[in-house]
Amino acid sequence: MKGKAPQEQKRLEQLEEAAQSLGIEIRYELFKGENAMAPGGLCRLKGDYLLILNSRSGLSERINAIASAISRFDLSATYLKPELREFLEGLPSPQDDSPSEEPQGDEPLEQE
């Protein structure tokens, strides 16, 4: 398992870059109280997409949260490295609350 962490770190960096290219701002915040163990989620704030992630989350939780968020977007016109695209295509389909529906106001986009 020694080689797994560098691969996961690389995947996280690729996902962060992909999110940025899609106009998604990622913030790592320290969650407190009853949400202290929540991984985070994607929301829309003043028309911009924001992905707030728990700074206490492990590498795999961060990868899953970012992958889940960006898989909601149309990635056909976005360049992704082949291994990253394959990873994203292997994820379960997101629920039918994709950002292309243009939610009104500052509605959160639920994450499983």
N, C-alpha and C. Protein backbone atom coordinates (compact mmCIF):
# COMPACT_ATOMS: atom_id res chain seq x y z
N MET A 1 0.82 -1.20 0.00
CA MET A 1 0.00 0.00 0.00
C MET A 1 0.86 1.26 0.00
N LYS A 2 2.17 1.12 0.05
CA LYS A 2 3.06 2.26 0.15
C LYS A 2 2.89 3.22 -1.02
N GLY A 3 2.67 2.72 -2.23
CA GLY A 3 2.54 3.55 -3.40
C GLY A 3 1.17 4.18 -3.58
N LYS A 4 0.21 3.85 -2.72
CA LYS A 4 -1.15 4.33 -2.88
C LYS A 4 -1.29 5.81 -2.54
N ALA A 5 -0.65 6.28 -1.48
CA ALA A 5 -0.79 7.67 -1.06
C ALA A 5 -0.32 8.66 -2.12
N PRO A 6 0.85 8.48 -2.75
CA PRO A 6 1.24 9.42 -3.80
C PRO A 6 0.27 9.42 -4.98
N GLN A 7 -0.27 8.25 -5.33
CA GLN A 7 -1.26 8.18 -6.42
C GLN A 7 -2.52 8.94 -6.04
N GLU A 8 -2.96 8.76 -4.80
CA GLU A 8 -4.17 9.46 -4.34
C GLU A 8 -3.93 10.96 -4.28
N GLN A 9 -2.75 11.37 -3.84
CA GLN A 9 -2.43 12.80 -3.79
C GLN A 9 -2.45 13.40 -5.19
N LYS A 10 -1.91 12.67 -6.15
CA LYS A 10 -1.91 13.13 -7.54
C LYS A 10 -3.34 13.24 -8.06
N ARG A 11 -4.18 12.25 -7.75
CA ARG A 11 -5.58 12.28 -8.18
C ARG A 11 -6.30 13.47 -7.56
N LEU A 12 -6.04 13.73 -6.27
CA LEU A 12 -6.66 14.87 -5.61
C LEU A 12 -6.28 16.17 -6.32
N GLU A 13 -5.01 16.32 -6.64
CA GLU A 13 -4.54 17.53 -7.33
C GLU A 13 -5.20 17.67 -8.70
N GLN A 14 -5.33 16.56 -9.42
CA GLN A 14 -5.98 16.59 -10.73
C GLN A 14 -7.46 16.98 -10.60
N LEU A 15 -8.12 16.45 -9.58
CA LEU A 15 -9.52 16.79 -9.36
C LEU A 15 -9.68 18.26 -8.98
N GLU A 16 -8.77 18.77 -8.14
CA GLU A 16 -8.83 20.18 -7.77
C GLU A 16 -8.64 21.07 -9.00
N GLU A 17 -7.73 20.70 -9.88
CA GLU A 17 -7.51 21.45 -11.12
C GLU A 17 -8.74 21.40 -12.01
N ALA A 18 -9.35 20.22 -12.12
CA ALA A 18 -10.55 20.08 -12.94
C ALA A 18 -11.69 20.93 -12.38
N ALA A 19 -11.85 20.92 -11.06
CA ALA A 19 -12.89 21.74 -10.43
C ALA A 19 -12.65 23.22 -10.73
N GLN A 20 -11.41 23.64 -10.61
CA GLN A 20 -11.07 25.04 -10.89
C GLN A 20 -11.40 25.39 -12.34
N SER A 21 -11.09 24.50 -13.28
CA SER A 21 -11.38 24.78 -14.69
C SER A 21 -12.88 24.83 -14.97
N LEU A 22 -13.68 24.21 -14.11
CA LEU A 22 -15.14 24.25 -14.24
C LEU A 22 -15.75 25.43 -13.50
N GLY A 23 -14.90 26.24 -12.85
CA GLY A 23 -15.38 27.40 -12.12
C GLY A 23 -15.87 27.08 -10.72
N ILE A 24 -15.43 25.97 -10.17
CA ILE A 24 -15.82 25.59 -8.81
C ILE A 24 -14.70 26.01 -7.86
N GLU A 25 -15.04 26.84 -6.91
CA GLU A 25 -14.07 27.21 -5.87
C GLU A 25 -14.12 26.15 -4.79
N ILE A 26 -12.96 25.70 -4.35
CA ILE A 26 -12.88 24.71 -3.28
C ILE A 26 -12.33 25.38 -2.03
N ARG A 27 -13.04 25.19 -0.93
CA ARG A 27 -12.57 25.70 0.37
C ARG A 27 -12.51 24.54 1.35
N TYR A 28 -11.41 24.50 2.08
CA TYR A 28 -11.27 23.52 3.16
C TYR A 28 -11.52 24.26 4.46
N GLU A 29 -12.55 23.84 5.18
CA GLU A 29 -12.95 24.49 6.42
C GLU A 29 -12.98 23.46 7.55
N LEU A 30 -12.74 23.94 8.76
CA LEU A 30 -12.82 23.09 9.94
C LEU A 30 -14.28 23.03 10.37
N PHE A 31 -14.90 21.87 10.25
CA PHE A 31 -16.29 21.71 10.64
C PHE A 31 -16.35 21.45 12.14
N LYS A 32 -17.35 22.05 12.79
CA LYS A 32 -17.51 21.89 14.23
C LYS A 32 -18.94 21.47 14.54
N GLY A 33 -19.15 21.07 15.78
CA GLY A 33 -20.49 20.72 16.24
C GLY A 33 -21.00 19.44 15.62
N GLU A 34 -22.30 19.40 15.36
CA GLU A 34 -22.92 18.17 14.86
C GLU A 34 -22.46 17.82 13.45
N ASN A 35 -21.87 18.77 12.71
CA ASN A 35 -21.37 18.51 11.36
C ASN A 35 -19.88 18.22 11.33
N ALA A 36 -19.28 17.98 12.47
CA ALA A 36 -17.83 17.82 12.55
C ALA A 36 -17.29 16.69 11.70
N MET A 37 -18.09 15.67 11.43
CA MET A 37 -17.61 14.53 10.65
C MET A 37 -18.14 14.53 9.22
N ALA A 38 -18.92 15.53 8.85
CA ALA A 38 -19.46 15.59 7.48
C ALA A 38 -18.32 15.85 6.49
N PRO A 39 -18.38 15.23 5.29
CA PRO A 39 -17.31 15.43 4.32
C PRO A 39 -17.37 16.79 3.64
N GLY A 40 -18.56 17.36 3.54
CA GLY A 40 -18.73 18.64 2.85
C GLY A 40 -19.70 18.50 1.71
N GLY A 41 -19.75 19.53 0.87
CA GLY A 41 -20.68 19.46 -0.25
C GLY A 41 -20.59 20.66 -1.16
N LEU A 42 -21.27 20.55 -2.27
CA LEU A 42 -21.31 21.57 -3.31
C LEU A 42 -22.53 22.44 -3.10
N CYS A 43 -22.34 23.75 -3.23
CA CYS A 43 -23.46 24.67 -3.15
C CYS A 43 -23.25 25.79 -4.16
N ARG A 44 -24.26 26.60 -4.29
CA ARG A 44 -24.18 27.74 -5.19
C ARG A 44 -24.38 28.98 -4.34
N LEU A 45 -23.43 29.90 -4.40
CA LEU A 45 -23.47 31.10 -3.59
C LEU A 45 -23.30 32.30 -4.50
N LYS A 46 -24.33 33.14 -4.56
CA LYS A 46 -24.32 34.33 -5.41
C LYS A 46 -23.96 33.98 -6.85
N GLY A 47 -24.49 32.87 -7.33
CA GLY A 47 -24.29 32.47 -8.71
C GLY A 47 -23.02 31.68 -8.99
N ASP A 48 -22.16 31.54 -8.00
CA ASP A 48 -20.90 30.81 -8.17
C ASP A 48 -20.97 29.48 -7.43
N TYR A 49 -20.30 28.48 -7.99
CA TYR A 49 -20.25 27.18 -7.34
C TYR A 49 -19.12 27.14 -6.33
N LEU A 50 -19.44 26.60 -5.17
CA LEU A 50 -18.50 26.52 -4.06
C LEU A 50 -18.58 25.11 -3.49
N LEU A 51 -17.43 24.49 -3.36
CA LEU A 51 -17.34 23.17 -2.76
C LEU A 51 -16.62 23.34 -1.43
N ILE A 52 -17.35 23.14 -0.35
CA ILE A 52 -16.79 23.29 0.99
C ILE A 52 -16.50 21.90 1.52
N LEU A 53 -15.24 21.67 1.85
CA LEU A 53 -14.81 20.36 2.34
C LEU A 53 -14.28 20.47 3.76
N ASN A 54 -14.51 19.42 4.52
CA ASN A 54 -14.03 19.35 5.89
C ASN A 54 -12.51 19.19 5.87
N SER A 55 -11.82 20.11 6.52
CA SER A 55 -10.35 20.04 6.54
C SER A 55 -9.84 18.82 7.31
N ARG A 56 -10.71 18.19 8.08
CA ARG A 56 -10.33 16.97 8.81
C ARG A 56 -10.49 15.71 7.97
N SER A 57 -11.10 15.85 6.81
CA SER A 57 -11.34 14.68 5.95
C SER A 57 -10.02 14.10 5.46
N GLY A 58 -10.01 12.80 5.31
CA GLY A 58 -8.85 12.12 4.77
C GLY A 58 -8.78 12.30 3.26
N LEU A 59 -7.69 11.84 2.71
CA LEU A 59 -7.44 11.97 1.28
C LEU A 59 -8.54 11.33 0.44
N SER A 60 -8.94 10.11 0.79
CA SER A 60 -9.96 9.42 -0.01
C SER A 60 -11.31 10.12 0.09
N GLU A 61 -11.65 10.68 1.27
CA GLU A 61 -12.92 11.40 1.40
C GLU A 61 -12.90 12.67 0.56
N ARG A 62 -11.77 13.36 0.52
CA ARG A 62 -11.65 14.56 -0.31
C ARG A 62 -11.79 14.21 -1.78
N ILE A 63 -11.13 13.14 -2.19
CA ILE A 63 -11.21 12.69 -3.58
C ILE A 63 -12.66 12.38 -3.94
N ASN A 64 -13.34 11.63 -3.09
CA ASN A 64 -14.73 11.25 -3.36
C ASN A 64 -15.65 12.46 -3.42
N ALA A 65 -15.45 13.42 -2.51
CA ALA A 65 -16.31 14.60 -2.48
C ALA A 65 -16.12 15.46 -3.72
N ILE A 66 -14.87 15.68 -4.13
CA ILE A 66 -14.61 16.50 -5.32
C ILE A 66 -15.09 15.77 -6.57
N ALA A 67 -14.81 14.48 -6.65
CA ALA A 67 -15.24 13.69 -7.81
C ALA A 67 -16.76 13.71 -7.93
N SER A 68 -17.45 13.55 -6.82
CA SER A 68 -18.91 13.58 -6.83
C SER A 68 -19.42 14.93 -7.31
N ALA A 69 -18.79 16.00 -6.85
CA ALA A 69 -19.21 17.35 -7.24
C ALA A 69 -18.99 17.60 -8.72
N ILE A 70 -17.79 17.30 -9.22
CA ILE A 70 -17.53 17.64 -10.63
C ILE A 70 -18.21 16.69 -11.60
N SER A 71 -18.57 15.50 -11.13
CA SER A 71 -19.26 14.57 -12.03
C SER A 71 -20.68 15.05 -12.35
N ARG A 72 -21.17 16.04 -11.64
CA ARG A 72 -22.49 16.62 -11.90
C ARG A 72 -22.47 17.56 -13.10
N PHE A 73 -21.28 17.95 -13.52
CA PHE A 73 -21.12 18.90 -14.62
C PHE A 73 -20.90 18.18 -15.93
N ASP A 74 -21.16 18.88 -17.03
CA ASP A 74 -20.87 18.35 -18.36
C ASP A 74 -19.36 18.47 -18.57
N LEU A 75 -18.69 17.34 -18.63
CA LEU A 75 -17.23 17.32 -18.74
C LEU A 75 -16.76 17.08 -20.17
N SER A 76 -17.69 17.03 -21.11
CA SER A 76 -17.32 16.69 -22.49
C SER A 76 -16.38 17.70 -23.12
N ALA A 77 -16.47 18.97 -22.75
CA ALA A 77 -15.60 20.00 -23.33
C ALA A 77 -14.41 20.33 -22.44
N THR A 78 -14.26 19.60 -21.34
CA THR A 78 -13.17 19.86 -20.39
C THR A 78 -12.08 18.82 -20.58
N TYR A 79 -10.83 19.29 -20.74
CA TYR A 79 -9.74 18.33 -20.87
C TYR A 79 -9.46 17.70 -19.51
N LEU A 80 -9.46 16.39 -19.50
CA LEU A 80 -9.09 15.62 -18.31
C LEU A 80 -8.10 14.56 -18.76
N LYS A 81 -7.12 14.30 -17.93
CA LYS A 81 -6.19 13.21 -18.25
C LYS A 81 -7.01 11.93 -18.37
N PRO A 82 -6.62 11.05 -19.29
CA PRO A 82 -7.42 9.83 -19.52
C PRO A 82 -7.71 9.02 -18.25
N GLU A 83 -6.72 8.88 -17.37
CA GLU A 83 -6.95 8.09 -16.15
C GLU A 83 -7.95 8.77 -15.22
N LEU A 84 -7.97 10.11 -15.21
CA LEU A 84 -8.94 10.84 -14.39
C LEU A 84 -10.34 10.71 -14.98
N ARG A 85 -10.45 10.85 -16.29
CA ARG A 85 -11.75 10.71 -16.95
C ARG A 85 -12.31 9.30 -16.71
N GLU A 86 -11.45 8.30 -16.82
CA GLU A 86 -11.87 6.91 -16.57
C GLU A 86 -12.36 6.74 -15.14
N PHE A 87 -11.64 7.33 -14.19
CA PHE A 87 -12.05 7.28 -12.78
C PHE A 87 -13.43 7.90 -12.61
N LEU A 88 -13.64 9.08 -13.18
CA LEU A 88 -14.92 9.77 -13.04
C LEU A 88 -16.05 9.01 -13.73
N GLU A 89 -15.77 8.42 -14.87
CA GLU A 89 -16.80 7.65 -15.58
C GLU A 89 -17.18 6.38 -14.83
N GLY A 90 -16.31 5.92 -13.94
CA GLY A 90 -16.59 4.73 -13.15
C GLY A 90 -17.43 5.00 -11.92
N LEU A 91 -17.68 6.28 -11.63
CA LEU A 91 -18.48 6.64 -10.46
C LEU A 91 -19.96 6.41 -10.74
N PRO A 92 -20.75 6.17 -9.69
CA PRO A 92 -22.19 6.07 -9.89
C PRO A 92 -22.72 7.40 -10.43
N SER A 93 -23.77 7.35 -11.23
CA SER A 93 -24.36 8.57 -11.79
C SER A 93 -24.90 9.43 -10.68
N PRO A 94 -24.68 10.76 -10.77
CA PRO A 94 -25.24 11.65 -9.76
C PRO A 94 -26.75 11.70 -9.88
N GLN A 95 -27.40 12.10 -8.80
CA GLN A 95 -28.85 12.25 -8.83
C GLN A 95 -29.20 13.34 -9.83
N ASP A 96 -30.45 13.45 -10.15
CA ASP A 96 -30.88 14.39 -11.18
C ASP A 96 -30.98 15.81 -10.63
N ASP A 97 -29.90 16.30 -10.00
CA ASP A 97 -29.88 17.68 -9.52
C ASP A 97 -28.64 18.38 -10.06
N SER A 98 -28.35 18.11 -11.30
CA SER A 98 -27.16 18.63 -11.94
C SER A 98 -27.20 20.15 -12.04
N PRO A 99 -26.02 20.80 -11.97
CA PRO A 99 -25.97 22.25 -12.06
C PRO A 99 -26.52 22.80 -13.36
N SER A 100 -26.61 21.99 -14.40
CA SER A 100 -27.14 22.47 -15.67
C SER A 100 -28.61 22.87 -15.55
N GLU A 101 -29.25 22.45 -14.46
CA GLU A 101 -30.64 22.83 -14.23
C GLU A 101 -30.76 24.26 -13.71
N GLU A 102 -29.63 24.91 -13.45
CA GLU A 102 -29.60 26.27 -12.96
C GLU A 102 -30.51 26.47 -11.75
N PRO A 103 -30.10 25.95 -10.57
CA PRO A 103 -30.91 26.16 -9.38
C PRO A 103 -31.07 27.66 -9.10
N GLN A 104 -32.17 28.04 -8.56
CA GLN A 104 -32.43 29.44 -8.27
C GLN A 104 -31.89 29.80 -6.89
N GLY A 105 -31.38 31.02 -6.75
CA GLY A 105 -30.90 31.49 -5.46
C GLY A 105 -29.64 30.78 -5.02
N ASP A 106 -29.50 30.67 -3.73
CA ASP A 106 -28.32 30.05 -3.13
C ASP A 106 -28.69 28.68 -2.57
N GLU A 107 -29.21 27.82 -3.43
CA GLU A 107 -29.65 26.50 -3.01
C GLU A 107 -28.48 25.55 -2.90
N PRO A 108 -28.45 24.74 -1.83
CA PRO A 108 -27.40 23.72 -1.76
C PRO A 108 -27.71 22.59 -2.72
N LEU A 109 -26.68 21.97 -3.25
CA LEU A 109 -26.84 20.78 -4.07
C LEU A 109 -26.51 19.60 -3.17
N GLU A 110 -27.50 18.81 -2.86
CA GLU A 110 -27.32 17.70 -1.93
C GLU A 110 -26.26 16.73 -2.40
N GLN A 111 -25.48 16.24 -1.45
CA GLN A 111 -24.46 15.24 -1.74
C GLN A 111 -24.73 14.04 -0.87
N GLU A 112 -24.62 12.87 -1.47
CA GLU A 112 -24.89 11.65 -0.71
C GLU A 112 -23.73 11.32 0.18
